[in-house]
Structures are given as C-alpha cells and as structure tokens.
PDB file of N, CA and C in Angstrom:
ATOM      1  N   MET A   1     -10.374  15.398  -0.079  1.00  0.00           N
ATOM      2  CA  MET A   1     -11.355  14.979  -0.062  1.00  0.00           C
ATOM      3  C   MET A   1     -11.226  12.776   0.231  1.00  0.00           C
ATOM      4  N   LEU A   2     -10.088  12.922  -0.766  1.00  0.00           N
ATOM      5  CA  LEU A   2      -9.829  11.139  -0.483  1.00  0.00           C
ATOM      6  C   LEU A   2      -8.913  10.678   0.276  1.00  0.00           C
ATOM      7  N   ILE A   3      -8.194  12.326   0.865  1.00  0.00           N
ATOM      8  CA  ILE A   3      -7.539  11.530   2.585  1.00  0.00           C
ATOM      9  C   ILE A   3      -8.493  11.326   3.457  1.00  0.00           C
ATOM     10  N   ASN A   4      -9.566  12.288   3.660  1.00  0.00           N
ATOM     11  CA  ASN A   4     -10.219  12.190   4.628  1.00  0.00           C
ATOM     12  C   ASN A   4     -10.822  10.757   4.512  1.00  0.00           C
ATOM     13  N   PHE A   5     -11.119  10.268   3.211  1.00  0.00           N
ATOM     14  CA  PHE A   5     -12.114   9.042   3.372  1.00  0.00           C
ATOM     15  C   PHE A   5     -10.950   7.800   3.325  1.00  0.00           C
ATOM     16  N   VAL A   6      -9.647   8.326   2.914  1.00  0.00           N
ATOM     17  CA  VAL A   6      -8.281   7.172   3.892  1.00  0.00           C
ATOM     18  C   VAL A   6      -8.668   6.824   5.073  1.00  0.00           C
ATOM     19  N   LYS A   7      -8.747   8.190   5.572  1.00  0.00           N
ATOM     20  CA  LYS A   7      -8.184   8.419   7.326  1.00  0.00           C
ATOM     21  C   LYS A   7      -9.752   7.605   8.024  1.00  0.00           C
ATOM     22  N   THR A   8     -10.337   7.848   7.316  1.00  0.00           N
ATOM     23  CA  THR A   8     -12.083   6.797   7.593  1.00  0.00           C
ATOM     24  C   THR A   8     -11.944   5.417   7.184  1.00  0.00           C
ATOM     25  N   LEU A   9     -11.498   5.532   6.531  1.00  0.00           N
ATOM     26  CA  LEU A   9     -11.140   3.557   6.047  1.00  0.00           C
ATOM     27  C   LEU A   9     -10.232   2.888   7.340  1.00  0.00           C
ATOM     28  N   ALA A  10      -9.229   3.920   8.024  1.00  0.00           N
ATOM     29  CA  ALA A  10      -8.030   3.403   8.394  1.00  0.00           C
ATOM     30  C   ALA A  10      -8.608   3.359   9.722  1.00  0.00           C
ATOM     31  N   GLY A  11     -10.226   3.947   9.999  1.00  0.00           N
ATOM     32  CA  GLY A  11     -10.084   3.822  12.057  1.00  0.00           C
ATOM     33  C   GLY A  11     -10.379   2.536  12.695  1.00  0.00           C
ATOM     34  N   SER A  12      -9.782   1.713  11.433  1.00  0.00           N
ATOM     35  CA  SER A  12      -9.865   0.674  12.803  1.00  0.00           C
ATOM     36  C   SER A  12      -9.021  -0.577  11.656  1.00  0.00           C
ATOM     37  N   LEU A  13      -8.557  -1.655  12.375  1.00  0.00           N
ATOM     38  CA  LEU A  13      -8.313  -2.653  12.427  1.00  0.00           C
ATOM     39  C   LEU A  13      -9.205  -3.442  10.950  1.00  0.00           C
ATOM     40  N   TRP A  14      -9.816  -3.215  11.378  1.00  0.00           N
ATOM     41  CA  TRP A  14     -10.894  -4.700  10.683  1.00  0.00           C
ATOM     42  C   TRP A  14     -11.469  -3.972   9.250  1.00  0.00           C
ATOM     43  N   SER A  15     -11.230  -3.032   9.330  1.00  0.00           N
ATOM     44  CA  SER A  15     -11.619  -1.921   8.136  1.00  0.00           C
ATOM     45  C   SER A  15     -10.698  -2.279   6.960  1.00  0.00           C
ATOM     46  N   THR A  16      -9.475  -1.501   7.744  1.00  0.00           N
ATOM     47  CA  THR A  16      -8.474  -1.611   7.139  1.00  0.00           C
ATOM     48  C   THR A  16      -8.172  -2.965   6.350  1.00  0.00           C
ATOM     49  N   ILE A  17      -8.097  -3.949   6.868  1.00  0.00           N
ATOM     50  CA  ILE A  17      -7.820  -5.395   6.476  1.00  0.00           C
ATOM     51  C   ILE A  17      -9.240  -5.875   5.282  1.00  0.00           C
ATOM     52  N   ALA A  18      -9.831  -5.397   5.428  1.00  0.00           N
ATOM     53  CA  ALA A  18     -10.991  -5.592   4.238  1.00  0.00           C
ATOM     54  C   ALA A  18     -10.674  -4.845   3.431  1.00  0.00           C
ATOM     55  N   VAL A  19     -10.229  -3.576   3.240  1.00  0.00           N
ATOM     56  CA  VAL A  19      -9.823  -2.452   2.208  1.00  0.00           C
ATOM     57  C   VAL A  19      -8.948  -3.353   1.184  1.00  0.00           C
ATOM     58  N   VAL A  20      -8.069  -3.350   1.983  1.00  0.00           N
ATOM     59  CA  VAL A  20      -6.590  -4.528   1.380  1.00  0.00           C
ATOM     60  C   VAL A  20      -6.750  -5.089   0.724  1.00  0.00           C
ATOM     61  N   MET A  21      -7.573  -5.822   1.258  1.00  0.00           N
ATOM     62  CA  MET A  21      -7.872  -7.595   0.632  1.00  0.00           C
ATOM     63  C   MET A  21      -9.275  -6.964  -0.498  1.00  0.00           C
ATOM     64  N   VAL A  22      -9.866  -6.503  -0.608  1.00  0.00           N
ATOM     65  CA  VAL A  22     -10.780  -6.069  -1.355  1.00  0.00           C
ATOM     66  C   VAL A  22     -10.138  -5.456  -3.075  1.00  0.00           C
ATOM     67  N   VAL A  23      -9.086  -4.365  -2.635  1.00  0.00           N
ATOM     68  CA  VAL A  23      -8.935  -4.501  -3.381  1.00  0.00           C
ATOM     69  C   VAL A  23      -7.713  -4.961  -3.956  1.00  0.00           C
ATOM     70  N   SER A  24      -6.853  -5.213  -3.461  1.00  0.00           N
ATOM     71  CA  SER A  24      -6.395  -6.239  -4.214  1.00  0.00           C
ATOM     72  C   SER A  24      -6.578  -7.356  -4.837  1.00  0.00           C
ATOM     73  N   GLY A  25      -7.857  -7.988  -4.263  1.00  0.00           N
ATOM     74  CA  GLY A  25      -8.360  -9.113  -5.073  1.00  0.00           C
ATOM     75  C   GLY A  25      -9.000  -8.553  -6.501  1.00  0.00           C
ATOM     76  N   LEU A  26      -9.328  -7.092  -6.398  1.00  0.00           N
ATOM     77  CA  LEU A  26      -9.957  -6.605  -7.877  1.00  0.00           C
ATOM     78  C   LEU A  26      -8.536  -6.762  -8.694  1.00  0.00           C
ATOM     79  N   ALA A  27      -7.750  -6.242  -8.394  1.00  0.00           N
ATOM     80  CA  ALA A  27      -6.412  -5.477  -9.085  1.00  0.00           C
ATOM     81  C   ALA A  27      -6.013  -6.857  -9.485  1.00  0.00           C
ATOM     82  N   VAL A  28      -5.972  -8.280  -8.803  1.00  0.00           N
ATOM     83  CA  VAL A  28      -5.266  -9.089  -9.201  1.00  0.00           C
ATOM     84  C   VAL A  28      -6.506 -10.200 -10.272  1.00  0.00           C
ATOM     85  N   THR A  29      -7.569  -9.533 -10.059  1.00  0.00           N
ATOM     86  CA  THR A  29      -8.765 -10.569 -10.854  1.00  0.00           C
ATOM     87  C   THR A  29      -8.421  -9.789 -12.486  1.00  0.00           C
ATOM     88  N   VAL A  30      -8.140  -8.273 -12.132  1.00  0.00           N
ATOM     89  CA  VAL A  30      -8.549  -7.660 -13.291  1.00  0.00           C
ATOM     90  C   VAL A  30      -7.173  -8.428 -14.277  1.00  0.00           C
ATOM     91  N   VAL A  31      -6.164  -8.425 -14.117  1.00  0.00           N
ATOM     92  CA  VAL A  31      -4.902  -8.835 -14.302  1.00  0.00           C
ATOM     93  C   VAL A  31      -5.219 -10.113 -15.089  1.00  0.00           C
ATOM     94  N   VAL A  32      -5.667 -11.563 -14.102  1.00  0.00           N
ATOM     95  CA  VAL A  32      -5.907 -12.291 -14.885  1.00  0.00           C
ATOM     96  C   VAL A  32      -6.616 -12.586 -15.864  1.00  0.00           C
ATOM     97  N   GLN A  33      -7.626 -11.237 -15.724  1.00  0.00           N
ATOM     98  CA  GLN A  33      -8.491 -11.627 -16.739  1.00  0.00           C
ATOM     99  C   GLN A  33      -8.294 -10.620 -17.768  1.00  0.00           C
ATOM    100  N   ALA A  34      -7.869  -9.764 -17.830  1.00  0.00           N
ATOM    101  CA  ALA A  34      -7.672  -9.293 -19.240  1.00  0.00           C
ATOM    102  C   ALA A  34      -6.092  -9.298 -19.525  1.00  0.00           C
ATOM    103  N   PHE A  35      -5.186  -9.593 -19.119  1.00  0.00           N
ATOM    104  CA  PHE A  35      -4.105  -9.522 -19.500  1.00  0.00           C
ATOM    105  C   PHE A  35      -3.376 -11.411 -19.603  1.00  0.00           C
ATOM    106  N   GLY A  36      -4.385 -12.181 -19.156  1.00  0.00           N
ATOM    107  CA  GLY A  36      -3.867 -14.026 -18.974  1.00  0.00           C
ATOM    108  C   GLY A  36      -3.028 -14.316 -18.634  1.00  0.00           C
ATOM    109  N   LEU A  37      -2.552 -13.458 -16.978  1.00  0.00           N
ATOM    110  CA  LEU A  37      -1.430 -14.268 -15.996  1.00  0.00           C
ATOM    111  C   LEU A  37      -2.211 -15.146 -15.435  1.00  0.00           C
ATOM    112  N   ARG A  38      -1.572 -16.013 -14.675  1.00  0.00           N
ATOM    113  CA  ARG A  38      -2.291 -17.320 -13.939  1.00  0.00           C
ATOM    114  C   ARG A  38      -2.591 -16.566 -12.777  1.00  0.00           C
ATOM    115  N   ILE A  39      -3.339 -16.874 -11.613  1.00  0.00           N
ATOM    116  CA  ILE A  39      -3.496 -16.771 -10.194  1.00  0.00           C
ATOM    117  C   ILE A  39      -2.117 -16.125  -9.701  1.00  0.00           C
ATOM    118  N   SER A  40      -1.508 -17.629  -9.535  1.00  0.00           N
ATOM    119  CA  SER A  40      -0.546 -17.749  -8.729  1.00  0.00           C
ATOM    120  C   SER A  40       0.471 -16.038  -9.213  1.00  0.00           C
ATOM    121  N   GLY A  41       0.766 -16.317 -10.503  1.00  0.00           N
ATOM    122  CA  GLY A  41       1.645 -15.013 -10.974  1.00  0.00           C
ATOM    123  C   GLY A  41       1.431 -13.491 -10.909  1.00  0.00           C
ATOM    124  N   GLY A  42      -0.243 -13.384 -10.598  1.00  0.00           N
ATOM    125  CA  GLY A  42      -0.471 -12.104 -10.598  1.00  0.00           C
ATOM    126  C   GLY A  42      -0.659 -11.828  -9.086  1.00  0.00           C
ATOM    127  N   LEU A  43      -0.415 -12.966  -8.215  1.00  0.00           N
ATOM    128  CA  LEU A  43      -0.819 -12.688  -6.434  1.00  0.00           C
ATOM    129  C   LEU A  43       1.207 -12.742  -6.061  1.00  0.00           C
ATOM    130  N   ALA A  44       1.915 -13.037  -7.022  1.00  0.00           N
ATOM    131  CA  ALA A  44       2.967 -13.090  -6.602  1.00  0.00           C
ATOM    132  C   ALA A  44       3.731 -11.932  -7.147  1.00  0.00           C
ATOM    133  N   LEU A  45       3.227 -11.856  -8.191  1.00  0.00           N
ATOM    134  CA  LEU A  45       3.664  -9.932  -8.599  1.00  0.00           C
ATOM    135  C   LEU A  45       2.943  -8.828  -7.869  1.00  0.00           C
ATOM    136  N   TYR A  46       1.939  -9.142  -7.650  1.00  0.00           N
ATOM    137  CA  TYR A  46       1.598  -7.942  -6.788  1.00  0.00           C
ATOM    138  C   TYR A  46       2.483  -8.071  -5.321  1.00  0.00           C
ATOM    139  N   PHE A  47       2.783  -8.811  -4.720  1.00  0.00           N
ATOM    140  CA  PHE A  47       3.199  -9.089  -3.838  1.00  0.00           C
ATOM    141  C   PHE A  47       4.323  -8.528  -3.409  1.00  0.00           C
ATOM    142  N   VAL A  48       5.133  -8.529  -4.729  1.00  0.00           N
ATOM    143  CA  VAL A  48       6.658  -7.706  -4.476  1.00  0.00           C
ATOM    144  C   VAL A  48       6.125  -6.616  -5.246  1.00  0.00           C
ATOM    145  N   ILE A  49       5.059  -6.244  -5.882  1.00  0.00           N
ATOM    146  CA  ILE A  49       4.907  -4.655  -6.333  1.00  0.00           C
ATOM    147  C   ILE A  49       4.696  -3.680  -4.918  1.00  0.00           C
ATOM    148  N   TRP A  50       3.976  -4.888  -3.910  1.00  0.00           N
ATOM    149  CA  TRP A  50       3.325  -3.936  -2.820  1.00  0.00           C
ATOM    150  C   TRP A  50       4.143  -3.536  -1.658  1.00  0.00           C
ATOM    151  N   TRP A  51       5.265  -4.742  -1.374  1.00  0.00           N
ATOM    152  CA  TRP A  51       6.474  -4.573  -0.732  1.00  0.00           C
ATOM    153  C   TRP A  51       7.050  -2.977  -1.515  1.00  0.00           C
ATOM    154  N   ILE A  52       7.492  -3.158  -2.596  1.00  0.00           N
ATOM    155  CA  ILE A  52       8.492  -1.930  -2.756  1.00  0.00           C
ATOM    156  C   ILE A  52       7.562  -0.931  -2.848  1.00  0.00           C
ATOM    157  N   LEU A  53       6.609  -1.045  -3.080  1.00  0.00           N
ATOM    158  CA  LEU A  53       5.742   0.481  -2.789  1.00  0.00           C
ATOM    159  C   LEU A  53       5.503   0.914  -1.239  1.00  0.00           C
ATOM    160  N   LEU A  54       5.904  -0.080  -0.173  1.00  0.00           N
ATOM    161  CA  LEU A  54       5.171  -0.085   0.974  1.00  0.00           C
ATOM    162  C   LEU A  54       6.511   1.271   1.290  1.00  0.00           C
ATOM    163  N   PHE A  55       8.029   0.298   1.433  1.00  0.00           N
ATOM    164  CA  PHE A  55       9.048   1.091   1.679  1.00  0.00           C
ATOM    165  C   PHE A  55       8.854   2.349   0.861  1.00  0.00           C
ATOM    166  N   ALA A  56       8.211   2.735  -0.102  1.00  0.00           N
ATOM    167  CA  ALA A  56       8.260   3.890  -0.801  1.00  0.00           C
ATOM    168  C   ALA A  56       7.440   4.892   0.221  1.00  0.00           C
ATOM    169  N   VAL A  57       6.320   4.184   0.276  1.00  0.00           N
ATOM    170  CA  VAL A  57       5.289   4.862   0.801  1.00  0.00           C
ATOM    171  C   VAL A  57       5.412   5.688   2.292  1.00  0.00           C
ATOM    172  N   LEU A  58       6.490   4.990   3.217  1.00  0.00           N
ATOM    173  CA  LEU A  58       6.634   4.947   4.427  1.00  0.00           C
ATOM    174  C   LEU A  58       6.805   6.192   5.116  1.00  0.00           C
ATOM    175  N   PRO A  59       7.878   6.519   4.318  1.00  0.00           N
ATOM    176  CA  PRO A  59       8.332   7.972   5.242  1.00  0.00           C
ATOM    177  C   PRO A  59       8.084   9.814   4.345  1.00  0.00           C
ATOM    178  N   PHE A  60       6.241   9.272   4.182  1.00  0.00           N
ATOM    179  CA  PHE A  60       5.372  10.608   3.725  1.00  0.00           C
ATOM    180  C   PHE A  60       5.094  10.639   4.923  1.00  0.00           C
ATOM    181  N   GLY A  61       4.887  11.882   5.505  1.00  0.00           N
ATOM    182  CA  GLY A  61       3.526  11.994   6.238  1.00  0.00           C
ATOM    183  C   GLY A  61       4.411  12.569   7.814  1.00  0.00           C
ATOM    184  N   VAL A  62       5.881  11.879   7.867  1.00  0.00           N
ATOM    185  CA  VAL A  62       5.858  11.205   9.278  1.00  0.00           C
ATOM    186  C   VAL A  62       6.675  12.460   9.591  1.00  0.00           C
ATOM    187  N   ARG A  63       6.195  12.592  10.814  1.00  0.00           N
ATOM    188  CA  ARG A  63       6.872  13.731  12.020  1.00  0.00           C
ATOM    189  C   ARG A  63       7.962  12.966  13.108  1.00  0.00           C
ATOM    190  N   SER A  64       8.803  13.809  13.755  1.00  0.00           N
ATOM    191  CA  SER A  64       9.720  12.488  14.573  1.00  0.00           C
ATOM    192  C   SER A  64       9.402  12.869  16.126  1.00  0.00           C
ATOM    193  N   GLN A  65       9.368  12.427  16.993  1.00  0.00           N
ATOM    194  CA  GLN A  65       9.210  12.931  18.611  1.00  0.00           C
ATOM    195  C   GLN A  65       9.765  14.742  18.533  1.00  0.00           C
ATOM    196  N   VAL A  66      10.822  14.086  17.827  1.00  0.00           N
ATOM    197  CA  VAL A  66      11.470  16.078  18.526  1.00  0.00           C
ATOM    198  C   VAL A  66      10.643  16.934  17.546  1.00  0.00           C
ATOM    199  N   GLU A  67      10.460  16.779  16.345  1.00  0.00           N
ATOM    200  CA  GLU A  67       9.478  17.906  15.382  1.00  0.00           C
ATOM    201  C   GLU A  67       7.983  18.087  16.251  1.00  0.00           C
ATOM    202  N   SER A  68       7.265  16.718  16.874  1.00  0.00           N
ATOM    203  CA  SER A  68       5.971  16.925  17.136  1.00  0.00           C
ATOM    204  C   SER A  68       5.867  17.742  18.719  1.00  0.00           C
ATOM    205  N   GLY A  69       7.478  17.381  19.743  1.00  0.00           N
ATOM    206  CA  GLY A  69       7.737  18.213  20.750  1.00  0.00           C
ATOM    207  C   GLY A  69       7.305  17.447  21.838  1.00  0.00           C
ATOM    208  N   ASP A  70       6.788  15.839  21.716  1.00  0.00           N
ATOM    209  CA  ASP A  70       6.422  14.698  22.853  1.00  0.00           C
ATOM    210  C   ASP A  70       7.735  13.677  22.255  1.00  0.00           C
ATOM    211  N   VAL A  71       8.802  13.731  23.256  1.00  0.00           N
ATOM    212  CA  VAL A  71       9.443  12.948  22.897  1.00  0.00           C
ATOM    213  C   VAL A  71       9.353  11.492  24.293  1.00  0.00           C
ATOM    214  N   VAL A  72       9.027  10.258  24.052  1.00  0.00           N
ATOM    215  CA  VAL A  72       8.668   9.257  25.060  1.00  0.00           C
ATOM    216  C   VAL A  72      10.078   9.344  25.761  1.00  0.00           C
ATOM    217  N   GLN A  73       9.721   8.950  27.194  1.00  0.00           N
ATOM    218  CA  GLN A  73      11.533   8.474  28.133  1.00  0.00           C
ATOM    219  C   GLN A  73      11.551   7.191  27.057  1.00  0.00           C
ATOM    220  N   GLY A  74      12.986   7.293  26.927  1.00  0.00           N
ATOM    221  CA  GLY A  74      13.818   5.404  26.836  1.00  0.00           C
ATOM    222  C   GLY A  74      13.712   5.291  25.312  1.00  0.00           C
ATOM    223  N   SER A  75      12.970   6.270  24.909  1.00  0.00           N
ATOM    224  CA  SER A  75      12.583   5.608  23.135  1.00  0.00           C
ATOM    225  C   SER A  75      13.545   7.163  22.481  1.00  0.00           C
ATOM    226  N   GLU A  76      13.923   6.351  21.051  1.00  0.00           N
ATOM    227  CA  GLU A  76      14.568   7.153  20.236  1.00  0.00           C
ATOM    228  C   GLU A  76      14.191   8.512  19.703  1.00  0.00           C
ATOM    229  N   PRO A  77      14.518   9.607  19.874  1.00  0.00           N
ATOM    230  CA  PRO A  77      14.176  10.856  19.744  1.00  0.00           C
ATOM    231  C   PRO A  77      13.703  11.014  18.061  1.00  0.00           C
ATOM    232  N   GLY A  78      14.187  10.260  17.198  1.00  0.00           N
ATOM    233  CA  GLY A  78      13.854  10.509  15.610  1.00  0.00           C
ATOM    234  C   GLY A  78      12.719   8.930  15.534  1.00  0.00           C
ATOM    235  N   ALA A  79      12.500   8.479  15.962  1.00  0.00           N
ATOM    236  CA  ALA A  79      11.074   7.763  15.894  1.00  0.00           C
ATOM    237  C   ALA A  79      10.039   8.244  15.458  1.00  0.00           C
ATOM    238  N   PRO A  80       9.091   8.065  14.272  1.00  0.00           N
ATOM    239  CA  PRO A  80       7.738   8.452  14.476  1.00  0.00           C
ATOM    240  C   PRO A  80       7.234   8.871  16.342  1.00  0.00           C
ATOM    241  N   ALA A  81       6.119  10.017  15.754  1.00  0.00           N
ATOM    242  CA  ALA A  81       5.136  10.494  16.866  1.00  0.00           C
ATOM    243  C   ALA A  81       3.626   9.301  16.645  1.00  0.00           C
ATOM    244  N   LEU A  82       3.852   9.550  15.255  1.00  0.00           N
ATOM    245  CA  LEU A  82       2.525   8.668  14.685  1.00  0.00           C
ATOM    246  C   LEU A  82       2.660   8.711  13.296  1.00  0.00           C
ATOM    247  N   PRO A  83       3.063   7.360  13.527  1.00  0.00           N
ATOM    248  CA  PRO A  83       3.196   6.647  11.866  1.00  0.00           C
ATOM    249  C   PRO A  83       2.264   6.401  11.175  1.00  0.00           C
ATOM    250  N   ALA A  84       0.978   6.320  11.437  1.00  0.00           N
ATOM    251  CA  ALA A  84      -0.591   6.239  10.645  1.00  0.00           C
ATOM    252  C   ALA A  84      -0.344   4.924   9.921  1.00  0.00           C
ATOM    253  N   LEU A  85       0.584   3.708   9.876  1.00  0.00           N
ATOM    254  CA  LEU A  85       0.663   2.961   9.331  1.00  0.00           C
ATOM    255  C   LEU A  85      -0.356   2.171   8.656  1.00  0.00           C
ATOM    256  N   ARG A  86      -1.842   1.764   9.304  1.00  0.00           N
ATOM    257  CA  ARG A  86      -2.742   1.294   8.769  1.00  0.00           C
ATOM    258  C   ARG A  86      -3.427   2.466   7.032  1.00  0.00           C
ATOM    259  N   GLU A  87      -3.022   3.447   7.419  1.00  0.00           N
ATOM    260  CA  GLU A  87      -3.246   4.887   5.959  1.00  0.00           C
ATOM    261  C   GLU A  87      -2.362   4.306   5.129  1.00  0.00           C
ATOM    262  N   LYS A  88      -1.226   3.727   5.537  1.00  0.00           N
ATOM    263  CA  LYS A  88      -0.002   4.049   4.739  1.00  0.00           C
ATOM    264  C   LYS A  88      -0.045   2.726   3.632  1.00  0.00           C
ATOM    265  N   ALA A  89      -1.129   1.295   4.868  1.00  0.00           N
ATOM    266  CA  ALA A  89      -1.187   0.359   3.842  1.00  0.00           C
ATOM    267  C   ALA A  89      -2.221   0.544   3.026  1.00  0.00           C
ATOM    268  N   ILE A  90      -3.121   1.230   3.467  1.00  0.00           N
ATOM    269  CA  ILE A  90      -4.091   1.805   2.103  1.00  0.00           C
ATOM    270  C   ILE A  90      -3.684   2.380   1.074  1.00  0.00           C
ATOM    271  N   TRP A  91      -3.401   3.364   1.384  1.00  0.00           N
ATOM    272  CA  TRP A  91      -2.284   4.044  -0.073  1.00  0.00           C
ATOM    273  C   TRP A  91      -1.344   3.051  -0.961  1.00  0.00           C
ATOM    274  N   THR A  92      -0.705   2.395  -0.047  1.00  0.00           N
ATOM    275  CA  THR A  92       0.175   0.973  -0.796  1.00  0.00           C
ATOM    276  C   THR A  92      -0.718   0.079  -1.478  1.00  0.00           C
ATOM    277  N   THR A  93      -1.796  -0.277  -0.867  1.00  0.00           N
ATOM    278  CA  THR A  93      -2.447  -0.999  -2.092  1.00  0.00           C
ATOM    279  C   THR A  93      -2.859  -0.479  -2.749  1.00  0.00           C
ATOM    280  N   PHE A  94      -3.917   1.582  -3.002  1.00  0.00           N
ATOM    281  CA  PHE A  94      -3.864   1.579  -4.412  1.00  0.00           C
ATOM    282  C   PHE A  94      -3.239   1.748  -5.114  1.00  0.00           C
ATOM    283  N   LEU A  95      -1.885   2.347  -4.787  1.00  0.00           N
ATOM    284  CA  LEU A  95      -0.364   2.022  -5.873  1.00  0.00           C
ATOM    285  C   LEU A  95       0.071   0.819  -5.906  1.00  0.00           C
ATOM    286  N   ALA A  96      -0.260  -0.332  -5.543  1.00  0.00           N
ATOM    287  CA  ALA A  96       0.282  -1.009  -6.258  1.00  0.00           C
ATOM    288  C   ALA A  96      -0.673  -1.732  -7.153  1.00  0.00           C
ATOM    289  N   SER A  97      -1.866  -1.166  -6.671  1.00  0.00           N
ATOM    290  CA  SER A  97      -2.657  -1.992  -7.947  1.00  0.00           C
ATOM    291  C   SER A  97      -2.885  -1.907  -9.268  1.00  0.00           C
ATOM    292  N   VAL A  98      -2.640  -0.346  -9.279  1.00  0.00           N
ATOM    293  CA  VAL A  98      -2.704   0.517 -10.356  1.00  0.00           C
ATOM    294  C   VAL A  98      -1.060   0.257 -10.470  1.00  0.00           C
ATOM    295  N   VAL A  99      -0.368  -0.039 -10.403  1.00  0.00           N
ATOM    296  CA  VAL A  99       0.865  -0.156 -10.979  1.00  0.00           C
ATOM    297  C   VAL A  99       1.333  -1.829 -11.161  1.00  0.00           C
ATOM    298  N   LEU A 100      -0.038  -2.637 -10.398  1.00  0.00           N
ATOM    299  CA  LEU A 100      -0.076  -4.153 -11.299  1.00  0.00           C
ATOM    300  C   LEU A 100      -0.558  -3.996 -12.573  1.00  0.00           C
ATOM    301  N   ILE A 101      -1.732  -3.055 -12.917  1.00  0.00           N
ATOM    302  CA  ILE A 101      -2.556  -3.262 -13.965  1.00  0.00           C
ATOM    303  C   ILE A 101      -1.335  -2.658 -15.003  1.00  0.00           C
ATOM    304  N   VAL A 102      -0.546  -1.694 -14.679  1.00  0.00           N
ATOM    305  CA  VAL A 102       0.091  -1.535 -15.865  1.00  0.00           C
ATOM    306  C   VAL A 102       1.714  -2.117 -16.308  1.00  0.00           C
ATOM    307  N   VAL A 103       1.681  -2.666 -15.280  1.00  0.00           N
ATOM    308  CA  VAL A 103       3.167  -3.832 -15.582  1.00  0.00           C
ATOM    309  C   VAL A 103       2.600  -4.552 -16.182  1.00  0.00           C
ATOM    310  N   ALA A 104       1.119  -5.624 -16.038  1.00  0.00           N
ATOM    311  CA  ALA A 104       0.805  -6.300 -16.433  1.00  0.00           C
ATOM    312  C   ALA A 104       0.427  -6.139 -18.076  1.00  0.00           C
ATOM    313  N   ALA A 105       0.083  -4.796 -18.461  1.00  0.00           N
ATOM    314  CA  ALA A 105      -0.156  -4.395 -19.565  1.00  0.00           C
ATOM    315  C   ALA A 105       1.459  -4.611 -20.465  1.00  0.00           C
ATOM    316  N   VAL A 106       2.552  -3.498 -19.796  1.00  0.00           N
ATOM    317  CA  VAL A 106       3.379  -3.563 -20.757  1.00  0.00           C
ATOM    318  C   VAL A 106       4.287  -4.684 -21.069  1.00  0.00           C
ATOM    319  N   PHE A 107       3.702  -6.113 -20.162  1.00  0.00           N
ATOM    320  CA  PHE A 107       4.311  -7.628 -20.504  1.00  0.00           C
ATOM    321  C   PHE A 107       4.573  -7.490 -21.829  1.00  0.00           C
ATOM    322  N   PRO A 108       3.632  -7.939 -22.508  1.00  0.00           N
ATOM    323  CA  PRO A 108       3.471  -7.867 -23.835  1.00  0.00           C
ATOM    324  C   PRO A 108       3.725  -6.961 -24.926  1.00  0.00           C
ATOM    325  N   LEU A 109       4.751  -6.533 -24.745  1.00  0.00           N
ATOM    326  CA  LEU A 109       5.226  -5.353 -25.327  1.00  0.00           C
ATOM    327  C   LEU A 109       6.413  -5.267 -24.966  1.00  0.00           C
ATOM    328  N   ALA A 110       6.899  -5.987 -23.844  1.00  0.00           N
ATOM    329  CA  ALA A 110       8.089  -6.621 -23.806  1.00  0.00           C
ATOM    330  C   ALA A 110       8.485  -7.802 -24.011  1.00  0.00           C
ATOM    331  N   GLY A 111       8.041  -8.444 -24.739  1.00  0.00           N
ATOM    332  CA  GLY A 111       7.989  -9.875 -25.450  1.00  0.00           C
ATOM    333  C   GLY A 111       7.532 -10.852 -23.990  1.00  0.00           C
ATOM    334  N   LEU A 112       7.676 -10.799 -22.894  1.00  0.00           N
ATOM    335  CA  LEU A 112       7.638 -10.955 -21.970  1.00  0.00           C
ATOM    336  C   LEU A 112       5.947 -12.351 -21.364  1.00  0.00           C
TER     337      LEU A 112
END
C-alpha cells in the first residue's frame, strides 16, 4: 500500500519536489523545536544524512538492461533499465527524516 502511494507521488516531477520539500521541512522543524538545534544546523545535518542515505537507497530494485532484456544500442548493458529516481528521492526523504530525528535525540545523550 505504501509502495503504491510513493509511486503515485512520484508520478510527476513537481509532486516529487513538493513531497521532498514538505517532508524535509517538517523534519527540520521538529528537530529545531524539540531538540533545540538551530535552523542552519538542522538543515546541514539533514543535507548530509539525506545524501548518505541516497547512495544507500539507489541500488534497491534496480534491474540492468541485460536483466530486463532491453539493451539500448551504444549504452552500457549493465546500466539500469528503469532507475526510478523520483521514487528513490521520496524514499530517501522519508528515511532521512526519521534518521534526523533519531540523531538529534541522541545528541544530548552523547554530550554534543
């Protein structure tokens, strides 16, 4: 059910951007209000977490052109047939929001 919802949200570039911006803004707002981070610190921490998680999420569900049986002439046969980057941006945003809140909650316990 959630997978279909994310696929629907990733249907257009503008809906993907809207989801990423709204969810990111909510996560940074929660961290700033609940854990006392500055807005700049919350955004910077979110940015770093988001990019790290993007590289972790990118390989999930990727099928190469050879596996799908549709190799485009002149391209690398191991290149993804359908990379689904908009869906992965939304999944990365959801994961990064959760990780940001957990990390900001752990900061006081670590003495930071």
